[in-house]
PDB file of all heavy atoms in Angstrom:
ATOM      1  N   GLY A   1      19.357   3.454   1.726  1.00  0.00           N
ATOM      2  CA  GLY A   1      18.562   2.232   1.399  1.00  0.00           C
ATOM      3  C   GLY A   1      17.854   1.723   2.583  1.00  0.00           C
ATOM      4  O   GLY A   1      17.992   2.225   3.720  1.00  0.00           O
ATOM      5  N   THR A   2      17.079   0.661   2.359  1.00  0.00           N
ATOM      6  CA  THR A   2      16.233   0.034   3.426  1.00  0.00           C
ATOM      7  C   THR A   2      16.562  -1.458   3.445  1.00  0.00           C
ATOM      8  O   THR A   2      16.652  -2.142   2.426  1.00  0.00           O
ATOM      9  CB  THR A   2      14.740   0.201   3.077  1.00  0.00           C
ATOM     10  OG1 THR A   2      14.463   1.614   3.003  1.00  0.00           O
ATOM     11  CG2 THR A   2      13.911  -0.409   4.184  1.00  0.00           C
ATOM     12  N   ILE A   3      16.763  -1.976   4.663  1.00  0.00           N
ATOM     13  CA  ILE A   3      17.070  -3.418   4.816  1.00  0.00           C
ATOM     14  C   ILE A   3      15.798  -4.145   4.577  1.00  0.00           C
ATOM     15  O   ILE A   3      14.749  -3.911   5.248  1.00  0.00           O
ATOM     16  CB  ILE A   3      17.606  -3.727   6.253  1.00  0.00           C
ATOM     17  CG1 ILE A   3      18.960  -2.931   6.458  1.00  0.00           C
ATOM     18  CG2 ILE A   3      17.819  -5.220   6.413  1.00  0.00           C
ATOM     19  CD1 ILE A   3      19.431  -2.958   7.845  1.00  0.00           C
ATOM     20  N   ARG A   4      15.768  -5.140   3.678  1.00  0.00           N
ATOM     21  CA  ARG A   4      14.599  -5.927   3.430  1.00  0.00           C
ATOM     22  C   ARG A   4      14.680  -7.305   3.993  1.00  0.00           C
ATOM     23  O   ARG A   4      13.646  -7.980   4.148  1.00  0.00           O
ATOM     24  CB  ARG A   4      14.419  -6.016   1.793  1.00  0.00           C
ATOM     25  CG  ARG A   4      14.124  -4.680   1.198  1.00  0.00           C
ATOM     26  CD  ARG A   4      12.910  -4.113   1.691  1.00  0.00           C
ATOM     27  NE  ARG A   4      12.622  -2.794   0.967  1.00  0.00           N
ATOM     28  CZ  ARG A   4      11.855  -1.904   1.472  1.00  0.00           C
ATOM     29  NH1 ARG A   4      11.221  -2.046   2.577  1.00  0.00           N
ATOM     30  NH2 ARG A   4      11.669  -0.781   0.788  1.00  0.00           N
ATOM     31  N   GLY A   5      15.834  -7.775   4.384  1.00  0.00           N
ATOM     32  CA  GLY A   5      15.986  -9.098   4.913  1.00  0.00           C
ATOM     33  C   GLY A   5      17.485  -9.500   4.956  1.00  0.00           C
ATOM     34  O   GLY A   5      18.348  -8.746   4.853  1.00  0.00           O
ATOM     35  N   ALA A   6      17.699 -10.794   5.235  1.00  0.00           N
ATOM     36  CA  ALA A   6      19.045 -11.353   5.398  1.00  0.00           C
ATOM     37  C   ALA A   6      19.090 -12.726   4.700  1.00  0.00           C
ATOM     38  O   ALA A   6      18.100 -13.442   4.742  1.00  0.00           O
ATOM     39  CB  ALA A   6      19.495 -11.429   6.777  1.00  0.00           C
ATOM     40  N   ARG A   7      20.274 -13.009   4.026  1.00  0.00           N
ATOM     41  CA  ARG A   7      20.412 -14.379   3.433  1.00  0.00           C
ATOM     42  C   ARG A   7      21.861 -14.684   3.359  1.00  0.00           C
ATOM     43  O   ARG A   7      22.669 -13.909   2.860  1.00  0.00           O
ATOM     44  CB  ARG A   7      19.762 -14.308   2.056  1.00  0.00           C
ATOM     45  CG  ARG A   7      19.907 -15.677   1.371  1.00  0.00           C
ATOM     46  CD  ARG A   7      19.387 -15.721  -0.027  1.00  0.00           C
ATOM     47  NE  ARG A   7      18.102 -15.152  -0.186  1.00  0.00           N
ATOM     48  CZ  ARG A   7      17.626 -14.820  -1.341  1.00  0.00           C
ATOM     49  NH1 ARG A   7      18.309 -14.870  -2.439  1.00  0.00           N
ATOM     50  NH2 ARG A   7      16.395 -14.263  -1.418  1.00  0.00           N
ATOM     51  N   GLY A   8      22.208 -15.790   3.940  1.00  0.00           N
ATOM     52  CA  GLY A   8      23.577 -16.254   3.801  1.00  0.00           C
ATOM     53  C   GLY A   8      24.629 -15.405   4.441  1.00  0.00           C
ATOM     54  O   GLY A   8      25.728 -15.235   3.914  1.00  0.00           O
ATOM     55  N   GLY A   9      24.275 -14.741   5.482  1.00  0.00           N
ATOM     56  CA  GLY A   9      25.218 -13.843   6.162  1.00  0.00           C
ATOM     57  C   GLY A   9      25.317 -12.410   5.555  1.00  0.00           C
ATOM     58  O   GLY A   9      26.085 -11.597   6.062  1.00  0.00           O
ATOM     59  N   HIS A  10      24.564 -12.161   4.536  1.00  0.00           N
ATOM     60  CA  HIS A  10      24.473 -10.864   3.925  1.00  0.00           C
ATOM     61  C   HIS A  10      23.159 -10.230   4.198  1.00  0.00           C
ATOM     62  O   HIS A  10      22.177 -10.911   4.399  1.00  0.00           O
ATOM     63  CB  HIS A  10      24.812 -10.884   2.482  1.00  0.00           C
ATOM     64  CG  HIS A  10      26.252 -11.112   2.131  1.00  0.00           C
ATOM     65  ND1 HIS A  10      26.828 -12.386   2.217  1.00  0.00           N
ATOM     66  CD2 HIS A  10      27.203 -10.278   1.819  1.00  0.00           C
ATOM     67  CE1 HIS A  10      28.059 -12.272   1.884  1.00  0.00           C
ATOM     68  NE2 HIS A  10      28.338 -10.980   1.627  1.00  0.00           N
ATOM     69  N   LEU A  11      23.119  -8.887   4.134  1.00  0.00           N
ATOM     70  CA  LEU A  11      21.841  -8.131   4.196  1.00  0.00           C
ATOM     71  C   LEU A  11      21.315  -7.993   2.797  1.00  0.00           C
ATOM     72  O   LEU A  11      22.054  -7.709   1.906  1.00  0.00           O
ATOM     73  CB  LEU A  11      22.000  -6.826   4.901  1.00  0.00           C
ATOM     74  CG  LEU A  11      22.489  -6.806   6.381  1.00  0.00           C
ATOM     75  CD1 LEU A  11      22.735  -5.399   6.831  1.00  0.00           C
ATOM     76  CD2 LEU A  11      21.393  -7.444   7.264  1.00  0.00           C
ATOM     77  N   ARG A  12      20.034  -8.038   2.668  1.00  0.00           N
ATOM     78  CA  ARG A  12      19.356  -7.727   1.343  1.00  0.00           C
ATOM     79  C   ARG A  12      18.854  -6.299   1.589  1.00  0.00           C
ATOM     80  O   ARG A  12      17.944  -5.987   2.386  1.00  0.00           O
ATOM     81  CB  ARG A  12      18.175  -8.628   1.133  1.00  0.00           C
ATOM     82  CG  ARG A  12      18.517 -10.135   1.161  1.00  0.00           C
ATOM     83  CD  ARG A  12      19.093 -10.609  -0.129  1.00  0.00           C
ATOM     84  NE  ARG A  12      18.201 -10.430  -1.214  1.00  0.00           N
ATOM     85  CZ  ARG A  12      18.567 -10.404  -2.498  1.00  0.00           C
ATOM     86  NH1 ARG A  12      19.813 -10.543  -2.809  1.00  0.00           N
ATOM     87  NH2 ARG A  12      17.684 -10.210  -3.417  1.00  0.00           N
ATOM     88  N   ILE A  13      19.443  -5.375   0.786  1.00  0.00           N
ATOM     89  CA  ILE A  13      19.178  -3.965   0.907  1.00  0.00           C
ATOM     90  C   ILE A  13      18.635  -3.430  -0.419  1.00  0.00           C
ATOM     91  O   ILE A  13      19.187  -3.666  -1.418  1.00  0.00           O
ATOM     92  CB  ILE A  13      20.401  -3.135   1.378  1.00  0.00           C
ATOM     93  CG1 ILE A  13      20.818  -3.609   2.780  1.00  0.00           C
ATOM     94  CG2 ILE A  13      20.167  -1.667   1.392  1.00  0.00           C
ATOM     95  CD1 ILE A  13      22.143  -3.051   3.237  1.00  0.00           C
ATOM     96  N   GLN A  14      17.504  -2.631  -0.288  1.00  0.00           N
ATOM     97  CA  GLN A  14      16.899  -2.046  -1.492  1.00  0.00           C
ATOM     98  C   GLN A  14      17.376  -0.553  -1.356  1.00  0.00           C
ATOM     99  O   GLN A  14      16.969   0.192  -0.526  1.00  0.00           O
ATOM    100  CB  GLN A  14      15.399  -2.115  -1.525  1.00  0.00           C
ATOM    101  CG  GLN A  14      14.871  -1.540  -2.753  1.00  0.00           C
ATOM    102  CD  GLN A  14      13.367  -1.812  -2.823  1.00  0.00           C
ATOM    103  OE1 GLN A  14      12.763  -2.468  -1.993  1.00  0.00           O
ATOM    104  NE2 GLN A  14      12.791  -1.378  -3.940  1.00  0.00           N
ATOM    105  N   LEU A  15      18.324  -0.131  -2.304  1.00  0.00           N
ATOM    106  CA  LEU A  15      18.739   1.243  -2.315  1.00  0.00           C
ATOM    107  C   LEU A  15      17.583   2.086  -2.790  1.00  0.00           C
ATOM    108  O   LEU A  15      16.781   1.675  -3.637  1.00  0.00           O
ATOM    109  CB  LEU A  15      19.909   1.450  -3.196  1.00  0.00           C
ATOM    110  CG  LEU A  15      21.149   0.658  -2.680  1.00  0.00           C
ATOM    111  CD1 LEU A  15      22.315   0.876  -3.709  1.00  0.00           C
ATOM    112  CD2 LEU A  15      21.606   1.183  -1.335  1.00  0.00           C
ATOM    113  N   ASP A  16      17.462   3.336  -2.312  1.00  0.00           N
ATOM    114  CA  ASP A  16      16.416   4.291  -2.798  1.00  0.00           C
ATOM    115  C   ASP A  16      16.418   4.391  -4.283  1.00  0.00           C
ATOM    116  O   ASP A  16      17.466   4.622  -4.831  1.00  0.00           O
ATOM    117  CB  ASP A  16      16.583   5.605  -2.084  1.00  0.00           C
ATOM    118  CG  ASP A  16      16.284   5.561  -0.556  1.00  0.00           C
ATOM    119  OD1 ASP A  16      15.915   4.421  -0.083  1.00  0.00           O
ATOM    120  OD2 ASP A  16      16.460   6.594   0.068  1.00  0.00           O
ATOM    121  N   GLY A  17      15.351   4.253  -4.934  1.00  0.00           N
ATOM    122  CA  GLY A  17      15.260   4.338  -6.359  1.00  0.00           C
ATOM    123  C   GLY A  17      15.484   3.021  -7.063  1.00  0.00           C
ATOM    124  O   GLY A  17      15.237   2.992  -8.272  1.00  0.00           O
ATOM    125  N   ALA A  18      15.920   1.948  -6.413  1.00  0.00           N
ATOM    126  CA  ALA A  18      16.170   0.639  -6.989  1.00  0.00           C
ATOM    127  C   ALA A  18      14.867  -0.123  -7.003  1.00  0.00           C
ATOM    128  O   ALA A  18      13.985   0.085  -6.110  1.00  0.00           O
ATOM    129  CB  ALA A  18      17.207  -0.097  -6.316  1.00  0.00           C
ATOM    130  N   SER A  19      14.704  -1.046  -7.990  1.00  0.00           N
ATOM    131  CA  SER A  19      13.475  -1.786  -8.050  1.00  0.00           C
ATOM    132  C   SER A  19      13.498  -3.055  -7.228  1.00  0.00           C
ATOM    133  O   SER A  19      12.461  -3.683  -7.017  1.00  0.00           O
ATOM    134  CB  SER A  19      13.205  -2.147  -9.508  1.00  0.00           C
ATOM    135  OG  SER A  19      14.278  -2.912 -10.028  1.00  0.00           O
ATOM    136  N   ARG A  20      14.663  -3.497  -6.729  1.00  0.00           N
ATOM    137  CA  ARG A  20      14.785  -4.741  -5.908  1.00  0.00           C
ATOM    138  C   ARG A  20      15.929  -4.654  -5.013  1.00  0.00           C
ATOM    139  O   ARG A  20      16.887  -3.806  -5.181  1.00  0.00           O
ATOM    140  CB  ARG A  20      14.862  -5.954  -6.850  1.00  0.00           C
ATOM    141  CG  ARG A  20      16.083  -5.965  -7.688  1.00  0.00           C
ATOM    142  CD  ARG A  20      15.947  -7.129  -8.639  1.00  0.00           C
ATOM    143  NE  ARG A  20      17.012  -7.017  -9.615  1.00  0.00           N
ATOM    144  CZ  ARG A  20      17.782  -7.914  -9.967  1.00  0.00           C
ATOM    145  NH1 ARG A  20      17.600  -9.201  -9.513  1.00  0.00           N
ATOM    146  NH2 ARG A  20      18.706  -7.772 -10.903  1.00  0.00           N
ATOM    147  N   ALA A  21      15.953  -5.522  -4.069  1.00  0.00           N
ATOM    148  CA  ALA A  21      17.068  -5.574  -2.986  1.00  0.00           C
ATOM    149  C   ALA A  21      18.217  -6.334  -3.587  1.00  0.00           C
ATOM    150  O   ALA A  21      18.047  -7.221  -4.383  1.00  0.00           O
ATOM    151  CB  ALA A  21      16.506  -6.243  -1.775  1.00  0.00           C
ATOM    152  N   MET A  22      19.364  -5.980  -3.115  1.00  0.00           N
ATOM    153  CA  MET A  22      20.702  -6.563  -3.499  1.00  0.00           C
ATOM    154  C   MET A  22      21.316  -7.007  -2.174  1.00  0.00           C
ATOM    155  O   MET A  22      21.201  -6.419  -1.118  1.00  0.00           O
ATOM    156  CB  MET A  22      21.494  -5.651  -4.321  1.00  0.00           C
ATOM    157  CG  MET A  22      20.867  -5.217  -5.630  1.00  0.00           C
ATOM    158  SD  MET A  22      21.853  -4.015  -6.585  1.00  0.00           S
ATOM    159  CE  MET A  22      21.832  -2.677  -5.435  1.00  0.00           C
ATOM    160  N   PRO A  23      22.356  -7.987  -2.316  1.00  0.00           N
ATOM    161  CA  PRO A  23      23.063  -8.357  -1.155  1.00  0.00           C
ATOM    162  C   PRO A  23      24.227  -7.409  -0.789  1.00  0.00           C
ATOM    163  O   PRO A  23      24.903  -7.019  -1.719  1.00  0.00           O
ATOM    164  CB  PRO A  23      23.585  -9.765  -1.480  1.00  0.00           C
ATOM    165  CG  PRO A  23      23.730  -9.784  -3.019  1.00  0.00           C
ATOM    166  CD  PRO A  23      22.627  -8.841  -3.444  1.00  0.00           C
ATOM    167  N   PHE A  24      24.375  -7.119   0.475  1.00  0.00           N
ATOM    168  CA  PHE A  24      25.469  -6.275   0.944  1.00  0.00           C
ATOM    169  C   PHE A  24      26.024  -6.952   2.196  1.00  0.00           C
ATOM    170  O   PHE A  24      25.353  -7.492   3.069  1.00  0.00           O
ATOM    171  CB  PHE A  24      24.950  -4.910   1.334  1.00  0.00           C
ATOM    172  CG  PHE A  24      24.596  -4.039   0.210  1.00  0.00           C
ATOM    173  CD1 PHE A  24      23.345  -4.153  -0.353  1.00  0.00           C
ATOM    174  CD2 PHE A  24      25.457  -3.131  -0.297  1.00  0.00           C
ATOM    175  CE1 PHE A  24      22.963  -3.342  -1.452  1.00  0.00           C
ATOM    176  CE2 PHE A  24      25.090  -2.310  -1.352  1.00  0.00           C
ATOM    177  CZ  PHE A  24      23.866  -2.434  -1.947  1.00  0.00           C
ATOM    178  N   HIS A  25      27.325  -6.826   2.363  1.00  0.00           N
ATOM    179  CA  HIS A  25      28.038  -7.319   3.620  1.00  0.00           C
ATOM    180  C   HIS A  25      27.668  -6.355   4.718  1.00  0.00           C
ATOM    181  O   HIS A  25      27.724  -5.122   4.489  1.00  0.00           O
ATOM    182  CB  HIS A  25      29.546  -7.365   3.366  1.00  0.00           C
ATOM    183  CG  HIS A  25      30.216  -8.047   4.459  1.00  0.00           C
ATOM    184  ND1 HIS A  25      30.557  -7.424   5.671  1.00  0.00           N
ATOM    185  CD2 HIS A  25      30.707  -9.314   4.636  1.00  0.00           C
ATOM    186  CE1 HIS A  25      31.149  -8.288   6.429  1.00  0.00           C
ATOM    187  NE2 HIS A  25      31.213  -9.406   5.900  1.00  0.00           N
ATOM    188  N   PRO A  26      27.339  -6.895   5.835  1.00  0.00           N
ATOM    189  CA  PRO A  26      26.871  -6.063   7.004  1.00  0.00           C
ATOM    190  C   PRO A  26      27.845  -4.965   7.485  1.00  0.00           C
ATOM    191  O   PRO A  26      27.408  -4.059   8.182  1.00  0.00           O
ATOM    192  CB  PRO A  26      26.529  -7.080   8.074  1.00  0.00           C
ATOM    193  CG  PRO A  26      26.296  -8.390   7.348  1.00  0.00           C
ATOM    194  CD  PRO A  26      27.182  -8.328   6.179  1.00  0.00           C
ATOM    195  N   THR A  27      29.116  -5.101   7.193  1.00  0.00           N
ATOM    196  CA  THR A  27      30.078  -4.150   7.706  1.00  0.00           C
ATOM    197  C   THR A  27      30.839  -3.397   6.631  1.00  0.00           C
ATOM    198  O   THR A  27      31.607  -2.496   6.980  1.00  0.00           O
ATOM    199  CB  THR A  27      31.121  -4.812   8.703  1.00  0.00           C
ATOM    200  OG1 THR A  27      31.845  -5.758   7.934  1.00  0.00           O
ATOM    201  CG2 THR A  27      30.446  -5.488   9.821  1.00  0.00           C
ATOM    202  N   TRP A  28      30.641  -3.758   5.364  1.00  0.00           N
ATOM    203  CA  TRP A  28      31.403  -3.095   4.333  1.00  0.00           C
ATOM    204  C   TRP A  28      30.721  -1.888   3.767  1.00  0.00           C
ATOM    205  O   TRP A  28      29.656  -1.941   3.104  1.00  0.00           O
ATOM    206  CB  TRP A  28      31.650  -4.117   3.152  1.00  0.00           C
ATOM    207  CG  TRP A  28      32.446  -3.533   2.079  1.00  0.00           C
ATOM    208  CD1 TRP A  28      32.025  -3.080   0.851  1.00  0.00           C
ATOM    209  CD2 TRP A  28      33.797  -3.150   2.123  1.00  0.00           C
ATOM    210  NE1 TRP A  28      32.988  -2.549   0.133  1.00  0.00           N
ATOM    211  CE2 TRP A  28      34.182  -2.587   0.820  1.00  0.00           C
ATOM    212  CE3 TRP A  28      34.827  -3.340   3.052  1.00  0.00           C
ATOM    213  CZ2 TRP A  28      35.412  -2.236   0.524  1.00  0.00           C
ATOM    214  CZ3 TRP A  28      36.076  -2.915   2.683  1.00  0.00           C
ATOM    215  CH2 TRP A  28      36.387  -2.392   1.510  1.00  0.00           C
ATOM    216  N   GLN A  29      31.299  -0.679   4.072  1.00  0.00           N
ATOM    217  CA  GLN A  29      30.877   0.637   3.601  1.00  0.00           C
ATOM    218  C   GLN A  29      29.350   0.878   3.968  1.00  0.00           C
ATOM    219  O   GLN A  29      28.678   1.659   3.317  1.00  0.00           O
ATOM    220  CB  GLN A  29      30.963   0.621   2.044  1.00  0.00           C
ATOM    221  CG  GLN A  29      32.359   0.434   1.572  1.00  0.00           C
ATOM    222  CD  GLN A  29      33.271   1.610   1.826  1.00  0.00           C
ATOM    223  OE1 GLN A  29      32.922   2.736   1.926  1.00  0.00           O
ATOM    224  NE2 GLN A  29      34.516   1.354   2.052  1.00  0.00           N
ATOM    225  N   LEU A  30      28.871   0.285   5.061  1.00  0.00           N
ATOM    226  CA  LEU A  30      27.473   0.558   5.509  1.00  0.00           C
ATOM    227  C   LEU A  30      27.496   1.326   6.864  1.00  0.00           C
ATOM    228  O   LEU A  30      28.260   1.000   7.745  1.00  0.00           O
ATOM    229  CB  LEU A  30      26.708  -0.698   5.768  1.00  0.00           C
ATOM    230  CG  LEU A  30      26.123  -1.438   4.527  1.00  0.00           C
ATOM    231  CD1 LEU A  30      25.416  -2.645   5.007  1.00  0.00           C
ATOM    232  CD2 LEU A  30      25.175  -0.531   3.803  1.00  0.00           C
ATOM    233  N   SER A  31      26.640   2.313   6.925  1.00  0.00           N
ATOM    234  CA  SER A  31      26.338   3.058   8.173  1.00  0.00           C
ATOM    235  C   SER A  31      24.895   2.845   8.503  1.00  0.00           C
ATOM    236  O   SER A  31      24.075   2.970   7.610  1.00  0.00           O
ATOM    237  CB  SER A  31      26.629   4.549   8.052  1.00  0.00           C
ATOM    238  OG  SER A  31      27.958   4.807   7.754  1.00  0.00           O
ATOM    239  N   TYR A  32      24.586   2.475   9.715  1.00  0.00           N
ATOM    240  CA  TYR A  32      23.234   2.205  10.116  1.00  0.00           C
ATOM    241  C   TYR A  32      22.593   3.474  10.697  1.00  0.00           C
ATOM    242  O   TYR A  32      23.253   4.145  11.525  1.00  0.00           O
ATOM    243  CB  TYR A  32      23.191   1.027  11.115  1.00  0.00           C
ATOM    244  CG  TYR A  32      23.610  -0.169  10.532  1.00  0.00           C
ATOM    245  CD1 TYR A  32      24.997  -0.590  10.464  1.00  0.00           C
ATOM    246  CD2 TYR A  32      22.698  -1.104  10.015  1.00  0.00           C
ATOM    247  CE1 TYR A  32      25.402  -1.770   9.849  1.00  0.00           C
ATOM    248  CE2 TYR A  32      23.075  -2.292   9.448  1.00  0.00           C
ATOM    249  CZ  TYR A  32      24.442  -2.602   9.341  1.00  0.00           C
ATOM    250  OH  TYR A  32      24.874  -3.814   8.783  1.00  0.00           O
ATOM    251  N   ILE A  33      21.460   3.827  10.159  1.00  0.00           N
ATOM    252  CA  ILE A  33      20.815   5.036  10.660  1.00  0.00           C
ATOM    253  C   ILE A  33      19.799   4.666  11.671  1.00  0.00           C
ATOM    254  O   ILE A  33      18.846   3.887  11.385  1.00  0.00           O
ATOM    255  CB  ILE A  33      20.184   5.752   9.397  1.00  0.00           C
ATOM    256  CG1 ILE A  33      21.167   6.075   8.294  1.00  0.00           C
ATOM    257  CG2 ILE A  33      19.474   7.024   9.851  1.00  0.00           C
ATOM    258  CD1 ILE A  33      20.587   6.526   7.037  1.00  0.00           C
ATOM    259  N   THR A  34      19.921   5.230  12.839  1.00  0.00           N
ATOM    260  CA  THR A  34      18.983   4.887  13.972  1.00  0.00           C
ATOM    261  C   THR A  34      18.342   6.161  14.545  1.00  0.00           C
ATOM    262  O   THR A  34      18.873   7.237  14.316  1.00  0.00           O
ATOM    263  CB  THR A  34      19.818   4.109  15.070  1.00  0.00           C
ATOM    264  OG1 THR A  34      20.887   4.937  15.491  1.00  0.00           O
ATOM    265  CG2 THR A  34      20.378   2.763  14.563  1.00  0.00           C
ATOM    266  N   GLY A  35      17.356   5.892  15.355  1.00  0.00           N
ATOM    267  CA  GLY A  35      16.776   7.034  16.044  1.00  0.00           C
ATOM    268  C   GLY A  35      15.998   8.025  15.104  1.00  0.00           C
ATOM    269  O   GLY A  35      15.379   7.587  14.090  1.00  0.00           O
ATOM    270  N   LYS A  36      16.081   9.247  15.423  1.00  0.00           N
ATOM    271  CA  LYS A  36      15.340  10.294  14.618  1.00  0.00           C
ATOM    272  C   LYS A  36      15.873  10.432  13.207  1.00  0.00           C
ATOM    273  O   LYS A  36      15.148  10.797  12.348  1.00  0.00           O
ATOM    274  CB  LYS A  36      15.588  11.628  15.352  1.00  0.00           C
ATOM    275  CG  LYS A  36      14.830  11.790  16.603  1.00  0.00           C
ATOM    276  CD  LYS A  36      14.920  13.254  17.124  1.00  0.00           C
ATOM    277  CE  LYS A  36      15.604  13.165  18.460  1.00  0.00           C
ATOM    278  NZ  LYS A  36      15.798  14.558  18.992  1.00  0.00           N
TER     279      LYS A  36
END
């Protein structure tokens, strides 16, 4: 998914194929993809 923003201490993430962003806790079951 792609991070679209933040609200109330949660990240708003739009999962690939989803029509809108949903709230996710920044450390719960998330891996951040960086670099290449």
